[in-house]
Amino acid sequence: MTRQTSVARQILVAAILLAAVVAIAAGGSLATTPNVEGWYADAVKAPWNPPTWVFGPAWSVLYLAIAIAGFLFWRSNDTPDGRRRSVLTVYVVQLSLNAAWTPIFFGGYPLMGEIAWWIAVGVIVALVASVIWLIAAGRRVSRLAAWLLVPYLLWLIFATSLNAAIIVLN
């Protein structure tokens, strides 16, 4: 990104990234809300499963960090080898996987049964891998953005253990 990128364009891109993560969060909420008091309340969960109220605040902070990291990647100076573009591609891939997991895990179970949990664990493992890739590649583009994604990665690893525990315990 050149230093001549207008403030208006930067605000527009920041707003688009924030809107994207808000849309993902809203989609996840639509899939979660009808099921969290349904099948999920009755499912046997891991002993380390936090109370339901923890997820909303945790994801709100993480989604804000994801949006800021995306903006920092976009705003960074491009490298001669086009590294920024590939980082932004991985950023979009991880956003897509993130958007897919909640509807598959929560909304998929009433439609498909236990197979939804298996599909969801595959999606979240791919999501973890894409975030690891994003952090590794992104640190050369924006160290701050890469560091902002570390709590997200740790939460995803934790969420993966919760998803796997649902499969094992049920």
Protein backbone atom coordinates (compact mmCIF):
# COMPACT_ATOMS: atom_id res chain seq x y z
CA MET A 1 0.00 0.00 0.00
CA THR A 2 1.42 3.34 -0.91
CA ARG A 3 1.59 6.17 1.56
CA GLN A 4 -0.83 8.01 -0.70
CA THR A 5 -3.75 5.73 0.12
CA SER A 6 -6.50 8.11 1.09
CA VAL A 7 -7.94 8.22 4.58
CA ALA A 8 -11.39 7.70 3.05
CA ARG A 9 -10.23 4.49 1.36
CA GLN A 10 -8.63 3.24 4.57
CA ILE A 11 -11.86 3.93 6.47
CA LEU A 12 -13.85 2.13 3.78
CA VAL A 13 -11.62 -0.96 3.90
CA ALA A 14 -11.70 -0.99 7.71
CA ALA A 15 -15.50 -0.74 7.63
CA ILE A 16 -15.75 -3.57 5.08
CA LEU A 17 -13.51 -5.84 7.17
CA LEU A 18 -15.45 -5.03 10.33
CA ALA A 19 -18.74 -5.64 8.50
CA ALA A 20 -17.41 -9.00 7.25
CA VAL A 21 -16.58 -10.24 10.74
CA VAL A 22 -19.87 -8.87 12.11
CA ALA A 23 -21.71 -10.77 9.37
CA ILE A 24 -19.81 -13.95 10.27
CA ALA A 25 -20.63 -13.44 13.94
CA ALA A 26 -24.29 -12.79 13.14
CA GLY A 27 -24.48 -15.90 10.96
CA GLY A 28 -22.92 -17.93 13.74
CA SER A 29 -25.38 -16.50 16.22
CA LEU A 30 -28.32 -17.43 13.99
CA ALA A 31 -27.06 -21.02 13.88
CA THR A 32 -26.20 -21.16 17.57
CA THR A 33 -29.17 -19.49 19.26
CA PRO A 34 -31.87 -22.06 18.46
CA ASN A 35 -29.56 -24.97 19.28
CA VAL A 36 -27.67 -23.87 22.37
CA GLU A 37 -30.77 -24.50 24.53
CA GLY A 38 -31.69 -27.55 22.46
CA TRP A 39 -29.41 -30.42 21.57
CA TYR A 40 -26.26 -28.63 22.78
CA ALA A 41 -27.68 -28.15 26.30
CA ASP A 42 -28.39 -31.89 26.48
CA ALA A 43 -25.04 -33.01 25.02
CA VAL A 44 -22.31 -34.32 27.28
CA LYS A 45 -19.50 -31.78 27.16
CA ALA A 46 -15.85 -31.75 28.14
CA PRO A 47 -15.15 -30.97 31.78
CA TRP A 48 -13.18 -27.91 30.57
CA ASN A 49 -16.16 -26.56 28.59
CA PRO A 50 -16.74 -22.98 29.79
CA PRO A 51 -20.20 -21.64 30.66
CA THR A 52 -22.21 -20.61 27.61
CA TRP A 53 -22.04 -16.90 28.48
CA VAL A 54 -18.22 -16.91 27.94
CA PHE A 55 -18.44 -17.52 24.20
CA GLY A 56 -20.11 -14.24 23.19
CA PRO A 57 -17.59 -11.89 24.85
CA ALA A 58 -14.63 -14.07 23.83
CA TRP A 59 -15.67 -14.15 20.18
CA SER A 60 -16.47 -10.41 20.18
CA VAL A 61 -12.90 -9.59 21.21
CA LEU A 62 -11.46 -12.15 18.79
CA TYR A 63 -13.52 -10.90 15.85
CA LEU A 64 -12.38 -7.33 16.53
CA ALA A 65 -8.76 -8.53 16.53
CA ILE A 66 -9.37 -10.47 13.29
CA ALA A 67 -10.78 -7.36 11.59
CA ILE A 68 -7.89 -5.18 12.81
CA ALA A 69 -5.34 -7.78 11.67
CA GLY A 70 -6.95 -7.90 8.23
CA PHE A 71 -6.79 -4.12 8.00
CA LEU A 72 -3.13 -4.10 9.03
CA PHE A 73 -2.30 -6.75 6.44
CA TRP A 74 -4.13 -4.77 3.76
CA ARG A 75 -2.52 -1.48 4.79
CA SER A 76 1.04 -2.82 4.87
CA ASN A 77 3.53 -2.11 2.16
CA ASP A 78 3.56 -4.81 -0.45
CA THR A 79 6.73 -6.80 -0.90
CA PRO A 80 8.37 -7.33 -4.29
CA ASP A 81 7.25 -10.97 -4.30
CA GLY A 82 3.60 -10.05 -3.72
CA ARG A 83 3.54 -11.52 -0.22
CA ARG A 84 0.76 -9.20 0.95
CA ARG A 85 -1.63 -10.50 -1.70
CA SER A 86 -1.04 -14.13 -0.70
CA VAL A 87 -1.49 -13.20 2.98
CA LEU A 88 -4.80 -11.52 2.16
CA THR A 89 -5.86 -14.64 0.26
CA VAL A 90 -5.17 -16.82 3.31
CA TYR A 91 -7.01 -14.23 5.42
CA VAL A 92 -10.11 -14.68 3.25
CA VAL A 93 -9.76 -18.48 3.39
CA GLN A 94 -9.68 -18.48 7.19
CA LEU A 95 -12.67 -16.09 7.31
CA SER A 96 -14.59 -18.50 5.06
CA LEU A 97 -13.74 -21.50 7.22
CA ASN A 98 -14.66 -19.52 10.32
CA ALA A 99 -18.01 -18.63 8.78
CA ALA A 100 -18.66 -22.28 7.92
CA TRP A 101 -17.87 -23.93 11.26
CA THR A 102 -20.69 -22.66 13.49
CA PRO A 103 -23.56 -23.39 11.09
CA ILE A 104 -22.15 -26.85 10.41
CA PHE A 105 -21.58 -27.71 14.08
CA PHE A 106 -24.71 -26.19 15.63
CA GLY A 107 -27.16 -26.05 12.72
CA GLY A 108 -25.96 -29.22 11.04
CA TYR A 109 -26.64 -31.57 13.93
CA PRO A 110 -30.46 -31.30 13.81
CA LEU A 111 -30.34 -31.88 10.03
CA MET A 112 -27.61 -34.52 9.68
CA GLY A 113 -26.97 -35.89 13.16
CA GLU A 114 -23.50 -36.76 14.40
CA ILE A 115 -21.92 -36.52 10.94
CA ALA A 116 -22.24 -32.73 11.30
CA TRP A 117 -19.84 -32.87 14.27
CA TRP A 118 -17.31 -34.80 12.19
CA ILE A 119 -17.59 -32.37 9.31
CA ALA A 120 -17.26 -29.48 11.77
CA VAL A 121 -14.10 -30.95 13.32
CA GLY A 122 -12.62 -31.23 9.82
CA VAL A 123 -13.50 -27.60 9.14
CA ILE A 124 -12.04 -26.36 12.42
CA VAL A 125 -8.83 -28.33 11.91
CA ALA A 126 -8.52 -26.71 8.47
CA LEU A 127 -9.26 -23.36 10.12
CA VAL A 128 -6.50 -23.89 12.69
CA ALA A 129 -4.09 -24.79 9.89
CA SER A 130 -5.06 -21.71 7.87
CA VAL A 131 -4.58 -19.42 10.87
CA ILE A 132 -1.16 -20.95 11.57
CA TRP A 133 -0.30 -20.35 7.91
CA LEU A 134 -1.68 -16.80 8.12
CA ILE A 135 0.37 -15.98 11.21
CA ALA A 136 3.54 -17.49 9.73
CA ALA A 137 3.19 -15.75 6.37
CA GLY A 138 1.65 -12.60 7.81
CA ARG A 139 4.43 -11.85 10.25
CA ARG A 140 6.60 -10.80 7.31
CA VAL A 141 3.87 -8.39 6.22
CA SER A 142 2.74 -7.05 9.62
CA ARG A 143 4.15 -8.38 12.87
CA LEU A 144 1.43 -6.62 14.86
CA ALA A 145 -1.32 -8.22 12.77
CA ALA A 146 0.27 -11.65 13.19
CA TRP A 147 0.46 -11.19 16.96
CA LEU A 148 -3.17 -10.06 17.07
CA LEU A 149 -4.11 -13.46 15.64
CA VAL A 150 -2.32 -15.53 18.30
CA PRO A 151 -5.21 -15.39 20.83
CA TYR A 152 -7.56 -16.39 18.00
CA LEU A 153 -5.35 -19.39 17.21
CA LEU A 154 -5.25 -20.42 20.87
CA TRP A 155 -9.03 -20.12 21.15
CA LEU A 156 -9.47 -22.18 17.99
CA ILE A 157 -7.27 -24.94 19.39
CA PHE A 158 -9.39 -24.86 22.55
CA ALA A 159 -12.60 -24.91 20.45
CA THR A 160 -11.23 -27.87 18.50
CA SER A 161 -10.86 -29.78 21.76
CA LEU A 162 -14.47 -28.94 22.65
CA ASN A 163 -15.69 -30.11 19.23
CA ALA A 164 -13.72 -33.35 19.52
CA ALA A 165 -15.01 -33.91 23.06
CA ILE A 166 -18.61 -33.66 21.84
CA ILE A 167 -17.84 -36.43 19.33
CA VAL A 168 -16.09 -38.67 21.87
CA LEU A 169 -18.52 -38.14 24.74
CA ASN A 170 -21.72 -38.45 22.73
